[in-house]
Every structure is written in structure tokens, then in C-alpha cells.
Protein backbone atom coordinates (compact mmCIF):
# COMPACT_ATOMS: atom_id res chain seq x y z
CA MET A 1 50.06 123.47 91.96
CA ILE A 2 53.14 123.12 89.76
CA ARG A 3 54.48 126.56 90.77
CA GLU A 4 53.99 125.66 94.42
CA ASN A 5 55.85 122.35 93.95
CA LYS A 6 52.66 120.40 94.76
CA LYS A 7 52.21 118.51 91.51
CA PRO A 8 50.32 115.20 91.59
CA ASP A 9 52.38 112.03 91.75
CA LEU A 10 50.14 110.30 89.23
CA ALA A 11 47.34 111.25 86.84
CA ILE A 12 45.09 108.68 85.19
CA ASP A 13 42.55 109.46 82.51
CA LEU A 14 39.83 106.78 82.43
CA HIS A 15 38.32 106.06 79.02
CA ASN A 16 36.33 103.30 77.44
CA ASP A 17 37.15 101.73 74.10
CA ALA A 18 37.25 98.32 72.45
CA GLY A 19 40.84 97.59 73.50
CA GLY A 20 41.24 98.01 77.22
CA ASN A 21 44.97 98.77 77.37
CA LEU A 22 46.91 100.94 79.75
CA HIS A 23 48.28 103.66 77.44
CA ILE A 24 51.80 104.49 78.55
CA SER A 25 53.28 107.84 77.48
CA ARG A 26 56.70 107.91 75.91
CA PRO A 27 57.82 111.51 75.43
CA LYS A 28 61.43 112.28 74.59
CA GLY A 29 63.99 112.34 77.37
CA ASP A 30 64.90 110.05 80.24
CA ILE A 31 61.66 108.37 81.28
CA SER A 32 63.18 105.23 82.83
CA GLY A 33 61.75 106.00 86.29
CA TYR A 34 58.32 106.65 84.81
CA LEU A 35 58.41 103.42 82.77
CA ALA A 36 59.34 101.46 85.91
CA ASN A 37 56.40 103.04 87.74
CA MET A 38 54.02 102.22 84.87
CA GLN A 39 55.24 98.62 84.87
CA LYS A 40 54.49 98.53 88.60
CA LEU A 41 51.01 99.96 87.95
CA ASP A 42 50.37 97.35 85.23
CA GLU A 43 51.46 94.56 87.59
CA LEU A 44 49.29 95.86 90.43
CA LEU A 45 46.24 96.16 88.18
CA ARG A 46 46.79 92.53 87.15
CA LYS A 47 47.24 91.39 90.75
CA TYR A 48 44.29 93.17 92.38
CA THR A 49 41.74 93.54 89.55
CA TRP A 50 40.60 91.60 86.50
CA PHE A 51 42.87 93.68 84.23
CA THR A 52 44.81 91.50 81.77
CA GLU A 53 44.88 93.53 78.55
CA GLY A 54 48.37 94.93 79.15
CA SER A 55 50.09 98.16 78.24
CA THR A 56 50.85 99.81 74.93
CA LYS A 57 54.01 98.83 73.07
CA PRO A 58 57.25 100.87 73.28
CA SER A 59 56.58 102.40 69.85
CA PHE A 60 53.28 103.93 71.04
CA ARG A 61 53.08 107.74 71.18
CA ASN A 62 50.10 109.99 71.59
CA PRO A 63 51.27 113.56 72.30
CA GLY A 64 47.69 114.81 72.19
CA SER A 65 46.62 112.72 75.17
CA LEU A 66 46.44 113.75 78.80
CA GLY A 67 49.11 111.17 79.63
CA GLU A 68 51.80 112.41 77.32
CA GLY A 69 50.74 116.05 77.58
CA PHE A 70 51.02 116.10 81.37
CA MET A 71 54.43 114.40 81.14
CA GLU A 72 55.82 116.84 78.58
CA ARG A 73 54.32 120.07 79.95
CA PHE A 74 54.37 119.52 83.70
CA GLY A 75 56.51 116.45 84.48
CA ILE A 76 53.47 114.66 85.94
CA GLU A 77 53.54 110.90 85.51
CA ALA A 78 50.34 110.03 83.72
CA ALA A 79 48.60 107.31 81.72
CA ILE A 80 45.32 106.58 79.98
CA TYR A 81 43.46 103.55 81.35
CA GLU A 82 41.13 102.31 78.63
CA LEU A 83 38.25 100.20 79.92
CA ASN A 84 37.08 97.77 77.25
CA TYR A 85 33.35 98.27 76.88
CA GLU A 86 32.91 95.11 74.77
CA TRP A 87 34.85 92.37 76.53
CA ILE A 88 36.69 91.82 79.82
CA ALA A 89 39.47 89.41 78.91
CA GLY A 90 40.29 88.68 82.55
CA LEU A 91 36.71 87.57 83.20
CA GLN A 92 36.05 86.13 79.72
CA LYS A 93 32.74 87.96 79.40
CA ALA A 94 31.02 91.12 78.29
CA PRO A 95 31.12 93.72 81.06
CA MET A 96 28.12 94.31 83.24
CA ALA A 97 27.51 96.94 85.92
CA GLU A 98 28.69 94.63 88.71
CA ASP A 99 32.02 94.16 86.90
CA TRP A 100 32.69 97.92 86.86
CA ILE A 101 31.66 98.12 90.52
CA SER A 102 34.07 95.28 91.30
CA LEU A 103 36.90 97.05 89.46
CA GLY A 104 36.20 100.30 91.30
CA SER A 105 36.16 98.55 94.66
CA LYS A 106 39.61 97.07 94.01
CA LEU A 107 41.35 100.20 92.67
CA PRO A 108 42.02 101.66 96.14
CA GLU A 109 44.26 98.66 96.92
CA VAL A 110 46.06 99.14 93.59
CA PHE A 111 46.79 102.77 94.46
CA TYR A 112 47.68 101.98 98.07
CA GLN A 113 50.29 99.47 96.87
CA TYR A 114 51.48 101.80 94.11
CA PHE A 115 52.24 104.66 96.51
CA LYS A 116 53.46 102.48 99.37
CA LYS A 117 57.09 103.26 100.17
């Protein structure tokens, strides 16, 4: 896909942990456009879903992750979306199946708005 100039516009690796953050990659180089897009993604997740945990701090780096690896190797904007398996801060409760279903049903609107020109 890369050789044919058909790279994805966004890659997201979904994980579950006890934090729930959006892990933003910060490889070396000019990533100002990417950071603006990730801020937009964070804002859209907050607007359309129960996401409130926020994004990683500017000092965060994880070159072994899909997010940073895709950025460095292929120039694909990517992030890790950690789903907190213990607590949903935006709902003030432990997650249940219906909460994950609700999140999944709202993600299409997040992506529609993200890619909207």
C-alpha cells in the first residue's frame, strides 16, 4: 500500500489497560500536523463518546508501539486508544458490556467528523 501511495490516513490500535488514555506518538521531526489531528481526535472522542481520560503528555514516547512505529517507518498517523477495563471516568462506573457497545456505536460519528473536509 505504501509503495502504491495508498497508505491509510489513520491507524488506531485498541488496547485495554487501567488508564484509558489516547497514546499519542511523538517521533522526531515535524509532527505539528499530526499533533493537530490527534487533538481533533481527542476532542471528537470527548464530544461523541464517554471518553474523558485524555491524551498522553508531550514527554511520552513509545517507539515500540504501533502508533510510533507506523509514524516513523511509514508516515502513517497512528495512535493507541487504551480502553480502561476498571473504570469509565466519563460514566463514573465500572465498564459493562453495554458501555462497550455504546462506545462502539458512537465511534463511526467520531471518524466521520474526523475525516470530514
